[in-house]
Amino acid sequence: MAKGKKDFRLTLLKSRFGRTPGHAQCAQGLGLRRRHQSVVVKDTPENRGMIDKIRYMLLVEEA
């Protein structure tokens, strides 16, 4: 891995269903489909924006 590049491990703690369409789409765009599912995403401005938008639904850890 290049120096300075990070990855985040995201775990979906709350369901996507019943959320506003934009929040559900952010979770889907990050690759999260089910509760308690974890994915590793790269640290990019686009991913950071989606993470910040749905932070209340996620557990965010550095991978």
Protein backbone atom coordinates (compact mmCIF):
# COMPACT_ATOMS: atom_id res chain seq x y z
CA MET A 1 0.00 0.00 0.00
CA ALA A 2 1.14 3.53 -0.68
CA LYS A 3 2.24 5.65 2.23
CA GLY A 4 -0.57 7.85 3.56
CA LYS A 5 -3.37 5.78 2.02
CA LYS A 6 -5.86 4.40 4.51
CA ASP A 7 -8.77 2.03 4.43
CA PHE A 8 -11.87 2.07 6.58
CA ARG A 9 -13.77 -0.94 7.89
CA LEU A 10 -17.46 -0.09 7.96
CA THR A 11 -20.12 -2.10 9.76
CA LEU A 12 -23.80 -1.34 9.20
CA LEU A 13 -25.45 -1.20 12.64
CA LYS A 14 -28.90 0.06 11.66
CA SER A 15 -31.11 -1.07 8.81
CA ARG A 16 -31.25 0.79 5.49
CA PHE A 17 -35.00 0.32 5.32
CA GLY A 18 -37.19 3.17 6.47
CA ARG A 19 -34.43 5.74 5.90
CA THR A 20 -34.52 8.61 3.47
CA PRO A 21 -33.74 7.47 -0.08
CA GLY A 22 -30.41 9.32 -0.11
CA HIS A 23 -29.21 7.63 3.06
CA ALA A 24 -30.21 4.16 1.84
CA GLN A 25 -28.40 4.81 -1.45
CA CYS A 26 -25.25 5.88 0.40
CA ALA A 27 -25.23 2.60 2.34
CA GLN A 28 -25.75 0.68 -0.89
CA GLY A 29 -23.02 2.67 -2.63
CA LEU A 30 -20.58 1.75 0.14
CA GLY A 31 -21.41 -1.92 -0.45
CA LEU A 32 -23.47 -2.46 2.70
CA ARG A 33 -26.51 -4.68 2.17
CA ARG A 34 -27.34 -6.23 5.55
CA ARG A 35 -27.11 -5.26 9.21
CA HIS A 36 -23.84 -6.28 10.86
CA GLN A 37 -22.16 -6.69 7.47
CA SER A 38 -18.63 -5.27 7.29
CA VAL A 39 -16.81 -3.96 4.24
CA VAL A 40 -13.43 -2.32 3.69
CA VAL A 41 -13.45 0.85 1.58
CA LYS A 42 -10.66 3.13 0.46
CA ASP A 43 -10.18 6.56 1.97
CA THR A 44 -11.39 8.86 -0.80
CA PRO A 45 -13.31 12.15 -0.61
CA GLU A 46 -16.36 10.47 -2.15
CA ASN A 47 -16.39 7.67 0.42
CA ARG A 48 -15.77 10.11 3.28
CA GLY A 49 -18.80 12.15 2.19
CA MET A 50 -21.04 9.08 2.16
CA ILE A 51 -19.67 7.94 5.52
CA ASP A 52 -20.33 11.36 7.07
CA LYS A 53 -23.88 11.41 5.70
CA ILE A 54 -24.85 8.09 7.32
CA ARG A 55 -22.47 8.07 10.30
CA TYR A 56 -25.39 7.43 12.68
CA MET A 57 -25.93 4.04 10.99
CA LEU A 58 -22.29 2.91 10.91
CA LEU A 59 -19.41 1.72 13.03
CA VAL A 60 -16.26 3.13 11.44
CA GLU A 61 -12.80 1.68 12.16
CA GLU A 62 -9.45 2.11 10.47
CA ALA A 63 -8.41 -1.05 8.69
